[in-house]
Amino acid sequence: MLHQQYIRATLVSNFGNFYAVAIGSLFIDFLPMLPKQLLLLNLLSDFPMMAIAFDKVSDKEIAHPQRYDFKSLFIIFISLGLVSTVFDFIYFGLFYQISPEVLQTNWYVASVITELLLLISIRSMLPVEKAGMPAPLIIILSVAAFIATLAIPMIPWTAEVFEFIRPTWGHLGLIVGLATLYLIISELVKRPLAAYLKLNE
């Protein structure tokens, strides 16, 4: 069951990023995120997943053996991946006309935050408030990744290495608000999916 947490989170986030970059690149004349920025994004968003082996799942989810069902996995990552893609386009619409650096920096920050929230949500197909607390190590690594995500564009030499600019507090507040909305909508989408696929029985 635990390995499925990693697979679900990775498929959903990669689906969203892939289609956002592919489609977004058709409408803007610069890369929405540089290759080294994408690598940093993947490093930070995957960082808490190193602790998935220490996580626990709800007793309800291990009451009987779980089937490894590719159809269910496919429906989940397509449905939640589309939610991720929609929010990526919202960030594009908000920031791309300001400057390439503003879009690249803010989308990097937004992507890491939303992927950290996604891991908390998708670690169980139960509603997040019923799924139980994540393992302490997952929380610690998630907080560390969040702090690093914000610090890298703020520190001059790391910002220069990754070609970021210092994000404004207004932009950061907007990103946090949208990330919270993303979590809420992902939860709303996840619940009927779980009922349809009978993943909580």
Protein backbone atom coordinates (compact mmCIF):
# COMPACT_ATOMS: atom_id res chain seq x y z
CA MET A 1 0.00 0.00 0.00
CA LEU A 2 2.78 2.43 0.87
CA HIS A 3 4.47 2.13 -2.51
CA GLN A 4 1.19 3.15 -4.14
CA GLN A 5 1.37 6.47 -2.27
CA TYR A 6 4.62 7.25 -4.06
CA ILE A 7 3.31 6.09 -7.44
CA ARG A 8 0.09 8.10 -7.16
CA ALA A 9 1.84 11.29 -6.05
CA THR A 10 4.56 11.01 -8.69
CA LEU A 11 2.18 10.25 -11.57
CA VAL A 12 -0.20 13.10 -10.71
CA SER A 13 2.52 15.73 -10.29
CA ASN A 14 4.45 14.63 -13.39
CA PHE A 15 1.27 14.56 -15.48
CA GLY A 16 0.44 18.11 -14.45
CA ASN A 17 3.94 19.45 -15.04
CA PHE A 18 4.36 17.69 -18.38
CA TYR A 19 1.16 19.00 -19.93
CA ALA A 20 1.57 22.46 -18.46
CA VAL A 21 5.05 22.81 -19.97
CA ALA A 22 4.08 21.21 -23.29
CA ILE A 23 0.94 23.27 -23.82
CA GLY A 24 2.23 26.45 -22.19
CA SER A 25 5.27 26.48 -24.46
CA LEU A 26 2.95 26.80 -27.47
CA PHE A 27 1.68 30.16 -26.26
CA ILE A 28 4.73 31.82 -24.71
CA ASP A 29 8.11 32.50 -26.31
CA PHE A 30 10.24 31.30 -23.40
CA LEU A 31 10.54 28.21 -21.22
CA PRO A 32 8.07 28.38 -18.31
CA MET A 33 10.73 26.68 -16.20
CA LEU A 34 14.40 26.08 -16.97
CA PRO A 35 15.74 22.50 -16.92
CA LYS A 36 17.81 23.08 -13.77
CA GLN A 37 14.77 24.60 -12.08
CA LEU A 38 12.71 21.52 -12.97
CA LEU A 39 15.41 19.29 -11.51
CA LEU A 40 15.38 21.34 -8.30
CA LEU A 41 11.59 21.14 -8.21
CA ASN A 42 11.68 17.35 -8.50
CA LEU A 43 14.40 17.06 -5.86
CA LEU A 44 12.51 19.13 -3.29
CA SER A 45 9.06 17.67 -3.98
CA ASP A 46 10.43 14.10 -3.83
CA PHE A 47 12.41 14.78 -0.65
CA PRO A 48 9.58 13.86 1.80
CA MET A 49 8.86 10.69 -0.19
CA MET A 50 12.05 9.19 1.18
CA ALA A 51 10.10 8.76 4.42
CA ILE A 52 7.05 7.02 2.93
CA ALA A 53 8.34 3.67 4.21
CA PHE A 54 7.85 5.04 7.74
CA ASP A 55 4.29 6.20 7.10
CA LYS A 56 1.12 4.56 8.32
CA VAL A 57 -2.16 4.06 6.53
CA SER A 58 -5.66 3.87 7.96
CA ASP A 59 -6.73 0.54 9.47
CA LYS A 60 -9.64 0.67 7.02
CA GLU A 61 -7.22 0.54 4.10
CA ILE A 62 -5.44 -2.58 5.36
CA ALA A 63 -8.49 -4.45 6.63
CA HIS A 64 -8.25 -6.69 3.58
CA PRO A 65 -5.70 -7.14 0.78
CA GLN A 66 -5.57 -4.33 -1.75
CA ARG A 67 -5.58 -5.10 -5.45
CA TYR A 68 -2.90 -3.48 -7.59
CA ASP A 69 -5.29 -2.13 -10.20
CA PHE A 70 -3.77 -0.17 -13.09
CA LYS A 71 -7.21 1.04 -14.18
CA SER A 72 -7.79 2.68 -10.80
CA LEU A 73 -4.31 4.17 -10.83
CA PHE A 74 -4.87 5.53 -14.34
CA ILE A 75 -8.21 7.15 -13.45
CA ILE A 76 -6.72 8.73 -10.33
CA PHE A 77 -3.69 10.24 -12.00
CA ILE A 78 -5.65 11.52 -15.00
CA SER A 79 -8.36 13.12 -12.84
CA LEU A 80 -6.07 14.69 -10.26
CA GLY A 81 -3.45 15.45 -12.90
CA LEU A 82 -5.99 17.57 -14.76
CA VAL A 83 -6.63 19.54 -11.56
CA SER A 84 -2.89 20.13 -11.28
CA THR A 85 -2.69 21.23 -14.92
CA VAL A 86 -5.56 23.72 -14.51
CA PHE A 87 -3.78 25.35 -11.58
CA ASP A 88 -0.52 25.45 -13.54
CA PHE A 89 -2.34 27.42 -16.25
CA ILE A 90 -3.71 29.79 -13.61
CA TYR A 91 -0.14 30.54 -12.53
CA PHE A 92 0.84 31.03 -16.17
CA GLY A 93 -2.00 33.48 -16.68
CA LEU A 94 -1.10 35.45 -13.58
CA PHE A 95 2.64 35.77 -14.08
CA TYR A 96 3.81 35.21 -17.66
CA GLN A 97 3.16 38.78 -18.84
CA ILE A 98 5.29 40.26 -16.05
CA SER A 99 8.58 38.63 -17.05
CA PRO A 100 10.04 35.16 -17.73
CA GLU A 101 11.91 35.26 -14.41
CA VAL A 102 8.76 36.08 -12.45
CA LEU A 103 6.85 33.17 -14.01
CA GLN A 104 9.75 30.74 -13.59
CA THR A 105 10.32 31.67 -9.96
CA ASN A 106 6.68 31.77 -8.91
CA TRP A 107 5.75 28.61 -10.77
CA TYR A 108 8.68 26.79 -9.15
CA VAL A 109 7.54 27.91 -5.67
CA ALA A 110 3.90 27.08 -6.43
CA SER A 111 4.75 23.67 -7.89
CA VAL A 112 6.76 22.52 -4.89
CA ILE A 113 4.12 23.71 -2.42
CA THR A 114 1.26 22.06 -4.30
CA GLU A 115 3.19 18.81 -4.67
CA LEU A 116 3.93 18.76 -0.93
CA LEU A 117 0.22 19.27 -0.25
CA LEU A 118 -0.65 16.62 -2.82
CA LEU A 119 1.48 14.06 -0.98
CA ILE A 120 -0.43 14.77 2.25
CA SER A 121 -3.75 14.41 0.40
CA ILE A 122 -3.04 11.42 -1.83
CA ARG A 123 -1.21 9.29 0.74
CA SER A 124 -4.68 7.94 1.43
CA MET A 125 -7.86 7.86 -0.63
CA LEU A 126 -9.78 8.59 2.56
CA PRO A 127 -10.67 12.24 3.26
CA VAL A 128 -7.55 13.94 4.57
CA GLU A 129 -9.14 14.58 7.98
CA LYS A 130 -9.87 10.84 8.39
CA ALA A 131 -6.60 9.49 7.04
CA GLY A 132 -4.62 10.09 10.21
CA MET A 133 -1.46 12.09 10.68
CA PRO A 134 1.49 11.41 8.37
CA ALA A 135 4.58 9.88 9.92
CA PRO A 136 6.61 12.49 11.86
CA LEU A 137 9.53 12.08 9.46
CA ILE A 138 7.29 12.94 6.48
CA ILE A 139 6.17 16.11 8.26
CA ILE A 140 9.76 17.06 9.12
CA LEU A 141 11.03 16.51 5.58
CA SER A 142 8.03 18.34 4.10
CA VAL A 143 8.68 21.37 6.31
CA ALA A 144 12.38 21.25 5.39
CA ALA A 145 11.50 21.12 1.67
CA PHE A 146 9.05 24.02 2.09
CA ILE A 147 11.66 26.17 3.84
CA ALA A 148 14.29 25.35 1.21
CA THR A 149 11.81 26.15 -1.57
CA LEU A 150 11.28 29.66 -0.21
CA ALA A 151 14.89 30.22 0.81
CA ILE A 152 16.55 29.41 -2.52
CA PRO A 153 15.05 32.38 -4.45
CA MET A 154 15.61 34.63 -1.41
CA ILE A 155 19.34 33.94 -0.99
CA PRO A 156 21.27 35.93 -3.61
CA TRP A 157 23.86 33.31 -4.58
CA THR A 158 21.40 30.39 -4.83
CA ALA A 159 18.96 32.59 -6.72
CA GLU A 160 21.75 33.42 -9.17
CA VAL A 161 22.71 29.77 -9.63
CA PHE A 162 19.13 28.76 -10.49
CA GLU A 163 18.30 32.03 -12.28
CA PHE A 164 15.49 32.96 -9.91
CA ILE A 165 14.43 36.40 -8.79
CA ARG A 166 13.28 37.33 -5.31
CA PRO A 167 9.49 36.78 -5.18
CA THR A 168 7.34 39.54 -3.74
CA TRP A 169 5.34 38.95 -0.59
CA GLY A 170 2.17 39.67 -2.54
CA HIS A 171 2.99 36.94 -5.05
CA LEU A 172 3.85 34.50 -2.25
CA GLY A 173 0.55 35.20 -0.53
CA LEU A 174 -1.30 34.59 -3.79
CA ILE A 175 0.59 31.32 -4.33
CA VAL A 176 -0.21 30.07 -0.81
CA GLY A 177 -3.88 30.96 -1.29
CA LEU A 178 -4.07 29.14 -4.62
CA ALA A 179 -2.19 26.15 -3.20
CA THR A 180 -4.75 25.92 -0.40
CA LEU A 181 -7.55 26.07 -2.98
CA TYR A 182 -5.75 23.35 -4.95
CA LEU A 183 -5.73 21.09 -1.89
CA ILE A 184 -9.44 21.66 -1.30
CA ILE A 185 -10.38 20.93 -4.92
CA SER A 186 -8.12 17.86 -5.04
CA GLU A 187 -9.89 16.54 -1.95
CA LEU A 188 -13.30 17.22 -3.51
CA VAL A 189 -12.25 15.36 -6.67
CA LYS A 190 -10.64 12.52 -4.73
CA ARG A 191 -13.71 11.62 -2.68
CA PRO A 192 -16.09 10.65 -5.52
CA LEU A 193 -13.15 8.92 -7.21
CA ALA A 194 -12.60 6.76 -4.14
CA ALA A 195 -16.32 5.97 -3.97
CA TYR A 196 -16.47 5.12 -7.68
CA LEU A 197 -13.40 2.91 -7.51
CA LYS A 198 -14.48 1.48 -4.13
CA LEU A 199 -11.03 2.16 -2.70
CA ASN A 200 -12.27 2.70 0.85
CA GLU A 201 -14.37 -0.40 1.25
